[in-house]
């Protein structure tokens, strides 16, 4: 199982059984607009990192963007495997 799949499962678990103090559970509670706002912030941070903050910072910010993207997928009852399938479809 990939790291993305494991993270997706954790996010889904927090959606179904929100533990107190969980950032992920808070995102689900606040709703889609909050997640979209966070994704926008992360995209900007990736761009800024790529324009001069170094590769480690790019990786850090990309990880944040992927995380928030997975939360958005979960909000729509979509799975990472569906994104992978779409990518596979594009390479055929």
N, C-alpha and C. Protein backbone atom coordinates (compact mmCIF):
# COMPACT_ATOMS: atom_id res chain seq x y z
N UNK A 1 0.85 -1.18 0.00
CA UNK A 1 0.00 0.00 0.00
C UNK A 1 0.89 1.24 0.00
N UNK A 2 0.55 2.17 -0.86
CA UNK A 2 1.34 3.39 -0.97
C UNK A 2 1.05 4.34 0.20
N UNK A 3 1.92 5.29 0.38
CA UNK A 3 1.73 6.31 1.41
C UNK A 3 0.45 7.10 1.16
N UNK A 4 0.18 7.40 -0.09
CA UNK A 4 -1.04 8.14 -0.44
C UNK A 4 -2.27 7.32 -0.05
N UNK A 5 -2.26 6.03 -0.33
CA UNK A 5 -3.39 5.18 0.03
C UNK A 5 -3.56 5.10 1.54
N UNK A 6 -2.45 4.98 2.27
CA UNK A 6 -2.54 4.94 3.74
C UNK A 6 -3.10 6.25 4.28
N UNK A 7 -2.61 7.37 3.76
CA UNK A 7 -3.11 8.66 4.20
C UNK A 7 -4.59 8.80 3.86
N UNK A 8 -5.00 8.35 2.69
CA UNK A 8 -6.41 8.38 2.31
C UNK A 8 -7.27 7.61 3.30
N UNK A 9 -6.78 6.46 3.73
CA UNK A 9 -7.52 5.65 4.70
C UNK A 9 -7.63 6.35 6.04
N UNK A 10 -6.57 7.01 6.48
CA UNK A 10 -6.60 7.75 7.74
C UNK A 10 -7.60 8.90 7.63
N UNK A 11 -7.58 9.61 6.52
CA UNK A 11 -8.52 10.72 6.32
C UNK A 11 -9.95 10.20 6.36
N UNK A 12 -10.22 9.10 5.67
CA UNK A 12 -11.56 8.52 5.66
C UNK A 12 -11.98 8.10 7.07
N UNK A 13 -11.06 7.54 7.82
CA UNK A 13 -11.34 7.13 9.20
C UNK A 13 -11.70 8.34 10.06
N UNK A 14 -10.98 9.43 9.87
CA UNK A 14 -11.25 10.64 10.66
C UNK A 14 -12.57 11.28 10.24
N UNK A 15 -12.96 11.06 8.99
CA UNK A 15 -14.26 11.55 8.52
C UNK A 15 -15.38 10.76 9.20
N UNK A 16 -15.21 9.45 9.29
CA UNK A 16 -16.26 8.59 9.83
C UNK A 16 -16.29 8.61 11.36
N UNK A 17 -15.13 8.70 11.98
CA UNK A 17 -15.01 8.69 13.44
C UNK A 17 -14.09 9.82 13.88
N UNK A 18 -14.59 11.05 13.90
CA UNK A 18 -13.72 12.20 14.17
C UNK A 18 -13.19 12.23 15.60
N UNK A 19 -11.88 12.05 15.76
CA UNK A 19 -11.32 12.15 17.10
C UNK A 19 -11.21 13.60 17.55
N UNK A 20 -11.37 13.85 18.84
CA UNK A 20 -11.24 15.22 19.35
C UNK A 20 -9.85 15.79 19.04
N UNK A 21 -9.83 17.03 18.62
CA UNK A 21 -8.56 17.72 18.37
C UNK A 21 -7.93 17.40 17.03
N UNK A 22 -8.54 16.56 16.21
CA UNK A 22 -7.98 16.19 14.92
C UNK A 22 -8.16 17.33 13.92
N UNK A 23 -7.06 17.74 13.30
CA UNK A 23 -7.12 18.78 12.27
C UNK A 23 -8.00 18.32 11.11
N UNK A 24 -7.86 17.07 10.72
CA UNK A 24 -8.66 16.52 9.63
C UNK A 24 -10.14 16.57 9.98
N UNK A 25 -10.49 16.16 11.18
CA UNK A 25 -11.89 16.20 11.61
C UNK A 25 -12.41 17.64 11.61
N UNK A 26 -11.57 18.58 11.98
CA UNK A 26 -11.98 19.99 11.97
C UNK A 26 -12.26 20.46 10.54
N UNK A 27 -11.45 20.01 9.59
CA UNK A 27 -11.69 20.39 8.20
C UNK A 27 -13.04 19.87 7.72
N UNK A 28 -13.36 18.62 8.06
CA UNK A 28 -14.66 18.08 7.67
C UNK A 28 -15.79 18.87 8.31
N UNK A 29 -15.60 19.26 9.54
CA UNK A 29 -16.63 20.02 10.25
C UNK A 29 -16.82 21.41 9.61
N UNK A 30 -15.72 22.05 9.22
CA UNK A 30 -15.80 23.40 8.65
C UNK A 30 -16.35 23.37 7.22
N UNK A 31 -16.15 22.28 6.51
CA UNK A 31 -16.75 22.13 5.20
C UNK A 31 -15.83 22.40 4.03
N UNK A 32 -16.41 22.21 2.85
CA UNK A 32 -15.65 22.27 1.61
C UNK A 32 -14.99 23.62 1.38
N UNK A 33 -15.66 24.71 1.68
CA UNK A 33 -15.06 26.02 1.43
C UNK A 33 -13.74 26.20 2.18
N UNK A 34 -13.67 25.68 3.40
CA UNK A 34 -12.42 25.76 4.17
C UNK A 34 -11.32 24.96 3.50
N UNK A 35 -11.66 23.78 3.01
CA UNK A 35 -10.66 22.94 2.34
C UNK A 35 -10.20 23.60 1.05
N UNK A 36 -11.12 24.15 0.30
CA UNK A 36 -10.74 24.85 -0.94
C UNK A 36 -9.85 26.04 -0.64
N UNK A 37 -10.14 26.77 0.42
CA UNK A 37 -9.30 27.89 0.84
C UNK A 37 -7.89 27.40 1.17
N UNK A 38 -7.81 26.31 1.93
CA UNK A 38 -6.50 25.76 2.29
C UNK A 38 -5.74 25.29 1.05
N UNK A 39 -6.45 24.69 0.10
CA UNK A 39 -5.80 24.24 -1.13
C UNK A 39 -5.24 25.44 -1.90
N UNK A 40 -6.01 26.52 -1.97
CA UNK A 40 -5.52 27.72 -2.64
C UNK A 40 -4.26 28.26 -1.98
N UNK A 41 -4.27 28.28 -0.65
CA UNK A 41 -3.08 28.74 0.09
C UNK A 41 -1.88 27.84 -0.22
N UNK A 42 -2.12 26.54 -0.25
CA UNK A 42 -1.01 25.60 -0.49
C UNK A 42 -0.46 25.74 -1.90
N UNK A 43 -1.33 25.96 -2.89
CA UNK A 43 -0.86 26.16 -4.26
C UNK A 43 0.07 27.36 -4.32
N UNK A 44 -0.33 28.45 -3.68
CA UNK A 44 0.50 29.65 -3.66
C UNK A 44 1.83 29.36 -2.98
N UNK A 45 1.79 28.61 -1.87
CA UNK A 45 3.02 28.29 -1.15
C UNK A 45 3.94 27.40 -1.99
N UNK A 46 3.38 26.49 -2.78
CA UNK A 46 4.19 25.66 -3.68
C UNK A 46 4.88 26.55 -4.70
N UNK A 47 4.14 27.47 -5.28
CA UNK A 47 4.70 28.37 -6.29
C UNK A 47 5.83 29.20 -5.70
N UNK A 48 5.60 29.78 -4.53
CA UNK A 48 6.62 30.61 -3.89
C UNK A 48 7.86 29.77 -3.57
N UNK A 49 7.63 28.55 -3.06
CA UNK A 49 8.76 27.67 -2.75
C UNK A 49 9.56 27.34 -4.01
N UNK A 50 8.86 27.08 -5.10
CA UNK A 50 9.54 26.72 -6.35
C UNK A 50 10.33 27.89 -6.92
N UNK A 51 9.93 29.09 -6.59
CA UNK A 51 10.60 30.27 -7.12
C UNK A 51 11.75 30.76 -6.23
N UNK A 52 12.27 29.90 -5.36
CA UNK A 52 13.47 30.33 -4.67
C UNK A 52 13.65 29.85 -3.25
N UNK A 53 12.78 29.00 -2.76
CA UNK A 53 12.94 28.54 -1.37
C UNK A 53 13.60 27.17 -1.27
N UNK A 54 13.92 26.57 -2.39
CA UNK A 54 14.65 25.31 -2.38
C UNK A 54 13.74 24.09 -2.47
N UNK A 55 14.37 23.00 -2.84
CA UNK A 55 13.64 21.76 -3.08
C UNK A 55 12.96 21.19 -1.84
N UNK A 56 13.61 21.30 -0.69
CA UNK A 56 12.99 20.77 0.54
C UNK A 56 11.68 21.49 0.83
N UNK A 57 11.66 22.78 0.61
CA UNK A 57 10.44 23.55 0.86
C UNK A 57 9.36 23.19 -0.17
N UNK A 58 9.76 22.96 -1.42
CA UNK A 58 8.80 22.54 -2.45
C UNK A 58 8.16 21.22 -2.03
N UNK A 59 8.97 20.28 -1.59
CA UNK A 59 8.45 18.98 -1.16
C UNK A 59 7.49 19.15 0.01
N UNK A 60 7.86 19.96 0.98
CA UNK A 60 7.02 20.19 2.16
C UNK A 60 5.66 20.75 1.75
N UNK A 61 5.67 21.75 0.90
CA UNK A 61 4.42 22.39 0.49
C UNK A 61 3.59 21.48 -0.41
N UNK A 62 4.25 20.69 -1.26
CA UNK A 62 3.51 19.73 -2.09
C UNK A 62 2.82 18.69 -1.22
N UNK A 63 3.48 18.27 -0.15
CA UNK A 63 2.85 17.31 0.77
C UNK A 63 1.58 17.91 1.37
N UNK A 64 1.63 19.18 1.75
CA UNK A 64 0.43 19.85 2.28
C UNK A 64 -0.67 19.91 1.22
N UNK A 65 -0.30 20.21 -0.02
CA UNK A 65 -1.28 20.28 -1.10
C UNK A 65 -1.91 18.91 -1.36
N UNK A 66 -1.11 17.86 -1.38
CA UNK A 66 -1.64 16.51 -1.58
C UNK A 66 -2.59 16.14 -0.44
N UNK A 67 -2.20 16.44 0.78
CA UNK A 67 -3.06 16.13 1.93
C UNK A 67 -4.43 16.80 1.78
N UNK A 68 -4.44 18.10 1.52
CA UNK A 68 -5.71 18.81 1.40
C UNK A 68 -6.51 18.32 0.18
N UNK A 69 -5.81 17.92 -0.87
CA UNK A 69 -6.49 17.34 -2.03
C UNK A 69 -7.18 16.03 -1.67
N UNK A 70 -6.52 15.22 -0.84
CA UNK A 70 -7.13 13.96 -0.40
C UNK A 70 -8.35 14.21 0.48
N UNK A 71 -8.29 15.24 1.30
CA UNK A 71 -9.46 15.60 2.12
C UNK A 71 -10.61 15.99 1.20
N UNK A 72 -10.34 16.78 0.18
CA UNK A 72 -11.38 17.19 -0.76
C UNK A 72 -11.99 15.98 -1.46
N UNK A 73 -11.14 15.06 -1.90
CA UNK A 73 -11.65 13.84 -2.53
C UNK A 73 -12.60 13.11 -1.58
N UNK A 74 -12.19 12.98 -0.33
CA UNK A 74 -13.01 12.28 0.66
C UNK A 74 -14.33 12.99 0.87
N UNK A 75 -14.32 14.30 0.86
CA UNK A 75 -15.56 15.06 1.03
C UNK A 75 -16.56 14.75 -0.07
N UNK A 76 -16.04 14.41 -1.24
CA UNK A 76 -16.89 14.09 -2.39
C UNK A 76 -17.08 12.58 -2.55
N UNK A 77 -16.69 11.83 -1.54
CA UNK A 77 -16.79 10.37 -1.57
C UNK A 77 -16.06 9.78 -2.77
N UNK A 78 -14.93 10.40 -3.10
CA UNK A 78 -14.06 9.90 -4.16
C UNK A 78 -12.81 9.30 -3.53
N UNK A 79 -12.14 8.44 -4.28
CA UNK A 79 -10.96 7.76 -3.75
C UNK A 79 -9.74 8.08 -4.61
N UNK A 80 -8.58 8.03 -3.99
CA UNK A 80 -7.32 8.28 -4.69
C UNK A 80 -7.17 7.34 -5.88
N UNK A 81 -7.64 6.11 -5.75
CA UNK A 81 -7.53 5.14 -6.83
C UNK A 81 -8.25 5.63 -8.09
N UNK A 82 -9.29 6.43 -7.91
CA UNK A 82 -9.99 6.97 -9.07
C UNK A 82 -9.12 8.00 -9.81
N UNK A 83 -8.34 8.74 -9.07
CA UNK A 83 -7.40 9.69 -9.68
C UNK A 83 -6.31 8.90 -10.42
N UNK A 84 -5.80 7.86 -9.78
CA UNK A 84 -4.79 7.01 -10.44
C UNK A 84 -5.34 6.41 -11.72
N UNK A 85 -6.58 5.95 -11.69
CA UNK A 85 -7.20 5.36 -12.88
C UNK A 85 -7.30 6.39 -14.00
N UNK A 86 -7.64 7.62 -13.64
CA UNK A 86 -7.71 8.69 -14.65
C UNK A 86 -6.33 8.96 -15.24
N UNK A 87 -5.31 8.97 -14.41
CA UNK A 87 -3.95 9.17 -14.93
C UNK A 87 -3.55 8.02 -15.85
N UNK A 88 -3.87 6.80 -15.47
CA UNK A 88 -3.59 5.64 -16.33
C UNK A 88 -4.31 5.78 -17.66
N UNK A 89 -5.56 6.20 -17.62
CA UNK A 89 -6.36 6.36 -18.84
C UNK A 89 -5.69 7.34 -19.80
N UNK A 90 -5.08 8.37 -19.24
CA UNK A 90 -4.44 9.40 -20.07
C UNK A 90 -3.18 8.90 -20.77
N UNK A 91 -2.58 7.84 -20.26
CA UNK A 91 -1.34 7.32 -20.84
C UNK A 91 -1.56 6.18 -21.82
N UNK A 92 -2.82 5.88 -22.10
CA UNK A 92 -3.12 4.78 -23.04
C UNK A 92 -3.22 5.28 -24.44
